[in-house]
Amino acid sequence: MKYKILSIIILFSLLGCESILDVEPKNLLSADSAISSERGVQAALNGVYDGLQTAAIAQDVIIFGDLAADNLIHVGSKKEYRQISDNRIYPDNVYIEGLWNDCYDNINRINTLLEALPEVEELSENKLKYYEGQAYFLRALNYFNLVKFYGGVPLKTESTTNASPEVLNIARSGKNETYNFIMDDLDKAGSRLAVSSPEDPSHANYWAVKALMARIHLYRESFTDAYLNAKDVINNSPFSLAADSSEFANIFDEEAETNEIIFQVDFSATDDNNAMASWTQEDGRFEVAAWESYDKENSIADEYTENDWRKETTVKMGLDDYYCDKYNDLSGQSDNIVFLRIAEMYLICAEALNETGYVADGWAFDYLNAVHSTAGLDSLTSTDITNKAEFRDAVMKERRLELAFEGHRYFDLVRTGKAPAVLGNIGTLAGANWLFPIPQSELDANTKMTQNPGY
């Protein structure tokens, strides 16, 4: 498995960016000598961000969140994608294995960096805090990707430098324990990252920490904490909602400026490009289409009203298929992958307030309408939404339209208990409490690993 590798391979990964560390690799480079200066720290951190750019993390994490739901279906040649589209996933699915492996590979890079940082004497206290804050946020993000797909997972807090049984064989932690570990990492990140305007949303920042906290609290139904963290981002961060259709389109244009994005994985045509546009565009390889079912009875496109200007950026009709158009750089393959943006924070506030108690035309309506009305639609009132259940449905619809093809839909259906009704109570995912299978390769390698129920 990728994260169960020897230290020399780990270090080559950490030091793989020539633009930051322009040195020739040495066959016996140790962790201490590799990360002994700020230059080495920067190189190691760059290796972590490079780990986020893998197809599994930057691409499949997003696609699976819509493909396993009702926004995308598989139309290409990848049988592994067909399993996910059908909600019938097998443990030997290589893409499920790749997601698991790449997350743990990146976690191992982060652990190596965290172990080395206190020994780098030339780092000032502020710089040490900055680098540690980056690392803790990124480790939390990787574990969040794991827990939302697989449930509780092994928690690795030390770097893997050998293949001994005590290193390889680690039992799963429970789902709650995994989430507690993630939140502890986010607390550490938040205490270390300065509360200031982030210079670059492609690097961890204080507001990204708060935004991820808000999302996780929502997933765990800690609605008051979800609201408070999301509200903090809305009220105090420099981010703001797209004001019109052109600004909404700018969110997904890697060359345009936008105030929407809190955290993203940055790509360029010359550095670690991706195949997202090819996978989603009709003129590309076209592995996934924007339909709800294989008989093409319905598409998410049908859910947008005539005046909703988000549709023109989100989904288009081709020769025979609707397709996702948020990622469309076929030539440069440099679409940035958005992980956190301000619109989600407004919808988290709306949902969280409603779950703590429906109030006719209360603050929850204000947060919901901030997104709904900005899309060119009439504001919703208590005449349109008369109770808590109806408001919950309105938020779920708004999340679907606003965040389409950004990897949220499946997890929204699962966490709200709507997956059986919307997706059908069939397939291995339904029988496995809507968790993906632990990869077979992990079960074979780790004697303490257990499979999710239903597989």
Protein backbone atom coordinates (compact mmCIF):
# COMPACT_ATOMS: atom_id res chain seq x y z
CA MET A 1 0.00 0.00 0.00
CA LYS A 2 1.15 3.51 -0.77
CA TYR A 3 1.36 4.74 2.81
CA LYS A 4 3.24 1.66 3.96
CA ILE A 5 6.51 2.58 2.36
CA LEU A 6 10.11 2.99 3.31
CA SER A 7 11.42 6.33 4.51
CA ILE A 8 13.47 6.97 1.38
CA ILE A 9 10.30 6.90 -0.75
CA ILE A 10 8.51 9.19 1.69
CA LEU A 11 11.34 11.67 1.55
CA PHE A 12 11.48 11.68 -2.24
CA SER A 13 7.77 12.55 -2.19
CA LEU A 14 8.30 15.33 0.30
CA LEU A 15 11.17 16.82 -1.65
CA GLY A 16 9.77 16.32 -5.11
CA CYS A 17 9.19 19.94 -6.16
CA GLU A 18 12.16 21.39 -8.03
CA SER A 19 10.75 24.92 -7.88
CA ILE A 20 11.17 25.06 -4.10
CA LEU A 21 14.07 22.75 -3.35
CA ASP A 22 16.52 22.74 -6.25
CA VAL A 23 18.87 19.98 -5.11
CA GLU A 24 19.84 16.60 -6.45
CA PRO A 25 18.22 13.68 -4.57
CA LYS A 26 20.56 11.64 -2.36
CA ASN A 27 20.08 7.94 -1.94
CA LEU A 28 20.44 7.94 1.85
CA LEU A 29 18.79 11.23 2.77
CA SER A 30 17.33 11.07 6.30
CA ALA A 31 14.30 12.89 7.64
CA ASP A 32 16.47 14.99 9.97
CA SER A 33 18.73 16.23 7.19
CA ALA A 34 15.90 16.69 4.71
CA ILE A 35 13.83 19.02 6.91
CA SER A 36 16.50 20.91 8.82
CA SER A 37 15.94 24.39 7.38
CA GLU A 38 13.02 26.56 6.39
CA ARG A 39 13.79 25.75 2.79
CA GLY A 40 13.36 22.08 3.59
CA VAL A 41 10.14 22.82 5.49
CA GLN A 42 8.75 24.67 2.48
CA ALA A 43 9.69 21.75 0.26
CA ALA A 44 8.01 19.28 2.60
CA LEU A 45 4.85 21.39 2.78
CA ASN A 46 4.86 21.64 -0.99
CA GLY A 47 4.97 17.85 -1.07
CA VAL A 48 1.83 17.74 1.07
CA TYR A 49 -0.01 20.09 -1.28
CA ASP A 50 1.22 18.04 -4.21
CA GLY A 51 -0.42 15.07 -2.49
CA LEU A 52 -3.76 16.90 -2.60
CA GLN A 53 -3.45 17.13 -6.38
CA THR A 54 -3.74 13.39 -7.01
CA ALA A 55 -6.65 12.22 -9.13
CA ALA A 56 -8.11 10.38 -6.15
CA ILE A 57 -8.22 13.35 -3.77
CA ALA A 58 -8.76 16.32 -6.07
CA GLN A 59 -10.97 14.54 -8.59
CA ASP A 60 -12.60 11.36 -7.29
CA VAL A 61 -13.52 12.84 -3.90
CA ILE A 62 -15.59 15.40 -5.81
CA ILE A 63 -17.03 13.11 -8.48
CA PHE A 64 -17.95 10.30 -6.06
CA GLY A 65 -19.99 12.74 -3.97
CA ASP A 66 -22.31 13.30 -6.93
CA LEU A 67 -21.92 10.00 -8.77
CA ALA A 68 -23.13 7.94 -5.81
CA ALA A 69 -26.10 10.32 -5.56
CA ASP A 70 -28.60 11.60 -8.11
CA ASN A 71 -26.58 14.34 -9.83
CA LEU A 72 -24.29 12.23 -12.03
CA ILE A 73 -24.42 8.86 -13.75
CA HIS A 74 -21.63 6.86 -15.35
CA VAL A 75 -21.63 6.89 -19.16
CA GLY A 76 -18.01 6.04 -19.96
CA SER A 77 -15.78 2.98 -19.89
CA LYS A 78 -14.73 2.85 -16.23
CA LYS A 79 -16.53 -0.13 -14.69
CA GLU A 80 -15.39 1.03 -11.25
CA TYR A 81 -17.32 4.27 -11.77
CA ARG A 82 -20.33 2.22 -12.83
CA GLN A 83 -20.26 0.43 -9.47
CA ILE A 84 -20.41 3.75 -7.67
CA SER A 85 -23.14 5.07 -9.95
CA ASP A 86 -25.18 1.89 -9.28
CA ASN A 87 -24.46 2.00 -5.52
CA ARG A 88 -23.03 -1.52 -5.85
CA ILE A 89 -19.38 -1.14 -4.90
CA TYR A 90 -16.93 -4.02 -4.43
CA PRO A 91 -13.95 -3.92 -2.04
CA ASP A 92 -11.52 -4.54 -4.91
CA ASN A 93 -12.61 -1.37 -6.73
CA VAL A 94 -9.28 0.24 -7.62
CA TYR A 95 -10.60 3.79 -7.35
CA ILE A 96 -11.87 3.18 -3.83
CA GLU A 97 -8.44 1.75 -3.02
CA GLY A 98 -6.73 4.75 -4.62
CA LEU A 99 -8.70 7.20 -2.50
CA TRP A 100 -7.79 5.34 0.69
CA ASN A 101 -4.12 5.01 -0.25
CA ASP A 102 -3.63 8.59 -1.39
CA CYS A 103 -5.21 10.04 1.75
CA TYR A 104 -2.92 7.93 3.95
CA ASP A 105 0.09 8.75 1.81
CA ASN A 106 -0.63 12.43 2.35
CA ILE A 107 -1.20 11.90 6.07
CA ASN A 108 2.20 10.22 6.26
CA ARG A 109 3.82 13.22 4.59
CA ILE A 110 2.12 15.50 7.11
CA ASN A 111 3.21 13.38 10.08
CA THR A 112 6.80 13.47 8.82
CA LEU A 113 6.62 17.26 8.58
CA LEU A 114 5.06 17.69 12.04
CA GLU A 115 7.77 15.53 13.63
CA ALA A 116 10.54 17.55 12.02
CA LEU A 117 9.21 21.08 12.59
CA PRO A 118 10.18 21.54 16.28
CA GLU A 119 13.80 20.67 15.45
CA VAL A 120 14.21 23.35 12.76
CA GLU A 121 16.12 25.95 14.77
CA GLU A 122 15.97 28.79 12.23
CA LEU A 123 12.15 29.02 12.36
CA SER A 124 10.76 31.91 14.36
CA GLU A 125 7.87 31.20 16.72
CA ASN A 126 5.39 32.73 14.28
CA LYS A 127 6.71 30.73 11.36
CA LEU A 128 6.64 27.52 13.37
CA LYS A 129 3.00 28.20 14.24
CA TYR A 130 2.20 28.91 10.59
CA TYR A 131 3.68 25.67 9.31
CA GLU A 132 2.14 23.62 12.11
CA GLY A 133 -1.23 25.24 11.43
CA GLN A 134 -0.98 24.32 7.77
CA ALA A 135 -0.09 20.73 8.61
CA TYR A 136 -2.85 20.22 11.20
CA PHE A 137 -5.50 21.61 8.86
CA LEU A 138 -4.37 19.39 5.99
CA ARG A 139 -4.26 16.29 8.18
CA ALA A 140 -7.80 17.06 9.34
CA LEU A 141 -8.94 17.48 5.73
CA ASN A 142 -7.48 14.12 4.72
CA TYR A 143 -9.07 12.32 7.65
CA PHE A 144 -12.38 14.02 6.90
CA ASN A 145 -12.23 12.65 3.36
CA LEU A 146 -11.68 9.20 4.85
CA VAL A 147 -14.34 9.24 7.56
CA LYS A 148 -17.13 10.51 5.35
CA PHE A 149 -16.57 7.68 2.84
CA TYR A 150 -15.49 4.80 5.09
CA GLY A 151 -16.60 5.64 8.64
CA GLY A 152 -14.08 5.19 11.47
CA VAL A 153 -10.51 4.57 10.26
CA PRO A 154 -7.06 3.87 11.74
CA LEU A 155 -5.63 7.06 13.22
CA LYS A 156 -1.96 7.42 12.35
CA THR A 157 -0.15 10.15 14.26
CA GLU A 158 3.43 9.09 13.55
CA SER A 159 5.26 8.79 10.26
CA THR A 160 5.61 5.34 8.72
CA THR A 161 9.28 4.53 8.13
CA ASN A 162 9.22 0.72 8.01
CA ALA A 163 6.92 -2.18 7.25
CA SER A 164 6.95 -3.90 10.63
CA PRO A 165 3.71 -5.57 11.85
CA GLU A 166 3.23 -3.09 14.68
CA VAL A 167 3.33 -0.28 12.11
CA LEU A 168 1.09 -1.95 9.53
CA ASN A 169 -1.50 -3.54 11.79
CA ILE A 170 -3.61 -0.79 13.32
CA ALA A 171 -7.24 -1.25 14.30
CA ARG A 172 -9.97 1.12 13.18
CA SER A 173 -11.08 3.86 15.52
CA GLY A 174 -14.79 4.50 15.85
CA LYS A 175 -16.51 7.12 13.72
CA ASN A 176 -16.96 9.50 16.66
CA GLU A 177 -13.36 9.00 17.77
CA THR A 178 -12.19 9.78 14.24
CA TYR A 179 -14.27 12.96 14.16
CA ASN A 180 -12.94 13.96 17.59
CA PHE A 181 -9.39 13.52 16.31
CA ILE A 182 -10.19 15.71 13.28
CA MET A 183 -11.69 18.43 15.45
CA ASP A 184 -8.65 18.35 17.74
CA ASP A 185 -6.41 18.89 14.70
CA LEU A 186 -8.61 21.78 13.59
CA ASP A 187 -8.42 23.32 17.06
CA LYS A 188 -4.63 23.15 16.84
CA ALA A 189 -4.67 24.64 13.35
CA GLY A 190 -6.99 27.46 14.36
CA SER A 191 -4.82 28.41 17.33
CA ARG A 192 -1.74 28.63 15.11
CA LEU A 193 -3.00 30.33 11.95
CA ALA A 194 -3.32 34.10 12.13
CA VAL A 195 -6.77 35.69 11.89
CA SER A 196 -5.97 37.76 8.84
CA SER A 197 -6.93 38.07 5.22
CA PRO A 198 -5.52 35.00 3.45
CA GLU A 199 -3.23 35.82 0.57
CA ASP A 200 -3.96 32.64 -1.33
CA PRO A 201 -7.00 30.32 -1.00
CA SER A 202 -4.88 27.42 -2.25
CA HIS A 203 -3.14 27.37 1.15
CA ALA A 204 -4.70 26.72 4.53
CA ASN A 205 -5.92 29.77 6.39
CA TYR A 206 -7.78 30.53 9.62
CA TRP A 207 -11.12 30.90 7.85
CA ALA A 208 -10.71 27.56 6.10
CA VAL A 209 -10.33 26.02 9.56
CA LYS A 210 -13.55 27.66 10.75
CA ALA A 211 -15.40 26.68 7.58
CA LEU A 212 -14.38 23.03 7.82
CA MET A 213 -15.36 23.05 11.50
CA ALA A 214 -18.79 24.37 10.54
CA ARG A 215 -19.28 21.59 7.99
CA ILE A 216 -18.20 18.85 10.36
CA HIS A 217 -20.42 20.16 13.17
CA LEU A 218 -23.32 20.09 10.70
CA TYR A 219 -22.50 16.49 9.75
CA ARG A 220 -22.47 15.58 13.45
CA GLU A 221 -25.73 17.45 14.09
CA SER A 222 -24.04 19.86 16.49
CA PHE A 223 -26.19 22.61 15.04
CA THR A 224 -25.33 25.44 17.41
CA ASP A 225 -21.59 24.97 16.86
CA ALA A 226 -22.15 24.66 13.12
CA TYR A 227 -24.04 27.95 13.12
CA LEU A 228 -21.51 29.83 15.25
CA ASN A 229 -18.52 28.77 13.13
CA ALA A 230 -20.25 29.48 9.81
CA LYS A 231 -21.55 32.82 11.08
CA ASP A 232 -18.02 33.78 12.15
CA VAL A 233 -16.78 33.17 8.60
CA ILE A 234 -19.66 35.17 7.11
CA ASN A 235 -19.35 38.13 9.46
CA ASN A 236 -15.59 38.43 9.88
CA SER A 237 -13.79 36.93 6.89
CA PRO A 238 -13.03 38.75 3.61
CA PHE A 239 -15.13 36.32 1.56
CA SER A 240 -18.43 37.29 -0.07
CA LEU A 241 -21.13 35.78 -2.25
CA ALA A 242 -21.06 36.03 -6.03
CA ALA A 243 -23.28 38.99 -6.93
CA ASP A 244 -24.32 37.95 -10.43
CA SER A 245 -23.97 35.25 -13.09
CA SER A 246 -20.54 36.39 -14.24
CA GLU A 247 -19.17 36.36 -10.68
CA PHE A 248 -20.65 32.90 -10.15
CA ALA A 249 -18.88 31.69 -13.30
CA ASN A 250 -15.64 33.20 -12.01
CA ILE A 251 -15.66 30.74 -9.09
CA PHE A 252 -14.80 27.98 -11.54
CA ASP A 253 -12.49 29.97 -13.82
CA GLU A 254 -8.90 29.45 -12.69
CA GLU A 255 -7.84 32.74 -14.28
CA ALA A 256 -10.61 34.93 -12.84
CA GLU A 257 -10.78 36.68 -9.49
CA THR A 258 -13.43 35.74 -6.94
CA ASN A 259 -14.20 36.41 -3.29
CA GLU A 260 -16.18 33.17 -2.94
CA ILE A 261 -13.43 30.61 -2.45
CA ILE A 262 -12.18 29.90 1.06
CA PHE A 263 -9.99 26.92 0.18
CA GLN A 264 -9.20 25.20 -3.11
CA VAL A 265 -6.67 22.91 -4.75
CA ASP A 266 -4.90 24.97 -7.38
CA PHE A 267 -3.93 23.57 -10.78
CA SER A 268 -2.29 25.04 -13.85
CA ALA A 269 -1.62 23.89 -17.38
CA THR A 270 2.08 23.54 -16.56
CA ASP A 271 1.90 22.13 -13.02
CA ASP A 272 -0.03 19.02 -11.98
CA ASN A 273 -3.01 19.41 -14.28
CA ASN A 274 -6.16 17.33 -13.85
CA ALA A 275 -8.69 15.47 -15.98
CA MET A 276 -11.85 16.84 -14.38
CA ALA A 277 -13.02 18.61 -17.54
CA SER A 278 -12.30 15.57 -19.69
CA TRP A 279 -14.27 13.33 -17.33
CA THR A 280 -17.30 15.65 -17.21
CA GLN A 281 -17.41 17.33 -20.64
CA GLU A 282 -19.17 15.80 -23.63
CA ASP A 283 -16.24 16.78 -25.88
CA GLY A 284 -13.78 15.04 -23.57
CA ARG A 285 -13.60 11.45 -22.46
CA PHE A 286 -17.02 11.97 -20.81
CA GLU A 287 -17.13 9.41 -18.03
CA VAL A 288 -20.03 10.99 -16.11
CA ALA A 289 -23.18 12.77 -17.30
CA ALA A 290 -25.64 15.03 -15.47
CA TRP A 291 -28.56 12.64 -15.36
CA GLU A 292 -30.38 11.04 -12.45
CA SER A 293 -31.00 7.70 -14.15
CA TYR A 294 -29.77 5.67 -17.10
CA ASP A 295 -33.08 6.03 -18.93
CA LYS A 296 -32.56 9.80 -18.78
CA GLU A 297 -35.97 10.51 -17.31
CA ASN A 298 -34.68 13.40 -15.24
CA SER A 299 -31.62 15.56 -14.83
CA ILE A 300 -30.52 18.00 -12.18
CA ALA A 301 -30.95 20.52 -15.00
CA ASP A 302 -34.72 20.12 -14.59
CA GLU A 303 -34.47 21.35 -10.98
CA TYR A 304 -33.36 24.86 -11.94
CA THR A 305 -36.12 27.38 -12.59
CA GLU A 306 -36.01 29.58 -15.67
CA ASN A 307 -34.60 32.63 -13.91
CA ASP A 308 -31.87 30.79 -11.96
CA TRP A 309 -28.67 31.99 -13.56
CA ARG A 310 -26.57 29.32 -11.84
CA LYS A 311 -27.76 26.81 -14.41
CA GLU A 312 -25.80 28.31 -17.29
CA THR A 313 -22.52 27.74 -15.44
CA THR A 314 -23.47 24.44 -13.83
CA VAL A 315 -25.07 22.17 -16.44
CA LYS A 316 -25.54 22.25 -20.21
CA MET A 317 -27.27 20.17 -22.85
CA GLY A 318 -24.98 18.68 -25.48
CA LEU A 319 -25.84 16.61 -28.53
CA ASP A 320 -27.53 13.91 -26.50
CA ASP A 321 -26.62 14.41 -22.85
CA TYR A 322 -26.66 16.97 -20.09
CA TYR A 323 -23.17 17.46 -18.75
CA CYS A 324 -21.47 19.26 -15.87
CA ASP A 325 -19.92 22.54 -17.03
CA LYS A 326 -18.28 23.84 -13.87
CA TYR A 327 -15.04 22.22 -15.04
CA ASN A 328 -14.42 23.04 -18.69
CA ASP A 329 -10.69 23.58 -19.30
CA LEU A 330 -10.22 20.71 -21.73
CA SER A 331 -7.11 22.15 -23.38
CA GLY A 332 -5.13 23.20 -20.30
CA GLN A 333 -6.67 20.71 -17.84
CA SER A 334 -6.13 23.28 -15.10
CA ASP A 335 -9.53 23.61 -13.44
CA ASN A 336 -9.13 24.50 -9.78
CA ILE A 337 -11.00 22.21 -7.38
CA VAL A 338 -13.03 24.12 -4.80
CA PHE A 339 -13.29 22.50 -1.37
CA LEU A 340 -14.76 25.35 0.71
CA ARG A 341 -16.63 28.49 -0.31
CA ILE A 342 -18.73 31.13 1.38
CA ALA A 343 -22.12 30.12 -0.08
CA GLU A 344 -21.94 26.87 1.87
CA MET A 345 -21.53 28.84 5.09
CA TYR A 346 -24.80 30.70 4.49
CA LEU A 347 -26.60 27.42 3.85
CA ILE A 348 -25.07 25.87 6.96
CA CYS A 349 -26.40 28.79 9.01
CA ALA A 350 -29.85 28.42 7.47
CA GLU A 351 -29.99 24.66 8.09
CA ALA A 352 -28.55 24.83 11.60
CA LEU A 353 -30.93 27.57 12.75
CA ASN A 354 -33.92 25.70 11.38
CA GLU A 355 -32.87 22.48 13.12
CA THR A 356 -32.70 24.29 16.45
CA GLY A 357 -36.24 25.61 15.89
CA TYR A 358 -38.26 26.84 12.92
CA VAL A 359 -39.17 30.53 13.13
CA ALA A 360 -41.45 32.06 10.51
CA ASP A 361 -39.42 34.59 8.49
CA GLY A 362 -36.64 34.36 11.06
CA TRP A 363 -32.89 34.58 10.58
CA ALA A 364 -32.77 31.18 8.89
CA PHE A 365 -34.78 32.69 6.03
CA ASP A 366 -32.24 35.52 5.75
CA TYR A 367 -29.35 33.11 5.33
CA LEU A 368 -31.24 30.91 2.87
CA ASN A 369 -32.36 33.90 0.80
CA ALA A 370 -28.85 35.32 0.72
CA VAL A 371 -28.01 32.43 -1.60
CA HIS A 372 -31.43 31.90 -3.19
CA SER A 373 -32.13 35.54 -4.09
CA THR A 374 -28.58 36.19 -5.27
CA ALA A 375 -29.22 33.57 -7.96
CA GLY A 376 -31.89 35.83 -9.46
CA LEU A 377 -34.88 34.28 -7.68
CA ASP A 378 -37.66 35.77 -5.57
CA SER A 379 -37.10 35.59 -1.83
CA LEU A 380 -38.73 32.75 0.07
CA THR A 381 -41.06 33.55 2.97
CA SER A 382 -43.11 31.67 5.53
CA THR A 383 -45.92 31.65 2.97
CA ASP A 384 -43.73 29.41 0.78
CA ILE A 385 -42.18 27.42 3.63
CA THR A 386 -44.56 26.87 6.51
CA ASN A 387 -42.72 24.52 8.87
CA LYS A 388 -39.42 22.96 9.88
CA ALA A 389 -39.69 19.95 7.53
CA GLU A 390 -40.44 22.15 4.52
CA PHE A 391 -37.56 24.45 5.40
CA ARG A 392 -35.24 21.45 5.66
CA ASP A 393 -36.29 20.37 2.16
CA ALA A 394 -35.77 23.90 0.85
CA VAL A 395 -32.23 23.98 2.21
CA MET A 396 -31.44 20.58 0.69
CA LYS A 397 -32.71 21.77 -2.69
CA GLU A 398 -30.70 24.97 -2.44
CA ARG A 399 -27.57 23.01 -1.53
CA ARG A 400 -28.15 20.74 -4.52
CA LEU A 401 -28.48 23.64 -6.96
CA GLU A 402 -25.76 25.84 -5.51
CA LEU A 403 -23.16 23.15 -4.79
CA ALA A 404 -23.88 20.78 -7.69
CA PHE A 405 -20.88 18.71 -8.84
CA GLU A 406 -18.76 19.90 -5.91
CA GLY A 407 -19.00 16.58 -4.05
CA HIS A 408 -21.71 17.35 -1.46
CA ARG A 409 -24.93 15.70 -2.65
CA TYR A 410 -24.36 12.10 -1.55
CA PHE A 411 -23.27 13.07 1.95
CA ASP A 412 -26.18 15.49 2.30
CA LEU A 413 -28.61 12.68 1.50
CA VAL A 414 -26.90 10.26 3.88
CA ARG A 415 -26.54 12.61 6.86
CA THR A 416 -30.18 13.76 6.62
CA GLY A 417 -31.53 10.22 6.26
CA LYS A 418 -32.92 10.90 2.79
CA ALA A 419 -30.65 8.48 0.89
CA PRO A 420 -33.07 5.49 0.91
CA ALA A 421 -36.00 7.56 -0.36
CA VAL A 422 -34.02 9.42 -3.04
CA LEU A 423 -31.55 6.76 -4.17
CA GLY A 424 -33.59 3.64 -3.53
CA ASN A 425 -32.98 1.15 -0.77
CA ILE A 426 -30.93 -1.13 -3.02
CA GLY A 427 -27.28 -1.90 -3.65
CA THR A 428 -24.38 -2.56 -1.34
CA LEU A 429 -24.30 1.02 -0.10
CA ALA A 430 -27.83 0.73 1.25
CA GLY A 431 -26.96 -2.51 3.00
CA ALA A 432 -23.75 -1.04 4.40
CA ASN A 433 -25.32 1.98 6.08
CA TRP A 434 -24.28 4.02 3.04
CA LEU A 435 -20.56 3.64 3.74
CA PHE A 436 -18.06 2.71 1.04
CA PRO A 437 -16.18 -0.61 1.49
CA ILE A 438 -12.76 -0.77 3.12
CA PRO A 439 -10.39 -1.65 0.24
CA GLN A 440 -9.56 -5.32 -0.06
CA SER A 441 -5.84 -4.53 -0.20
CA GLU A 442 -6.07 -2.93 3.24
CA LEU A 443 -7.88 -5.96 4.65
CA ASP A 444 -5.16 -8.19 3.21
CA ALA A 445 -2.32 -6.09 4.62
CA ASN A 446 -3.71 -5.12 8.02
CA THR A 447 -4.66 -8.06 10.24
CA LYS A 448 -6.57 -5.78 12.62
CA MET A 449 -8.72 -4.17 9.93
CA THR A 450 -12.44 -4.98 9.77
CA GLN A 451 -14.79 -4.49 6.82
CA ASN A 452 -17.87 -2.28 6.91
CA PRO A 453 -21.14 -4.22 7.38
CA GLY A 454 -22.81 -5.40 4.21
CA TYR A 455 -19.67 -6.27 2.21
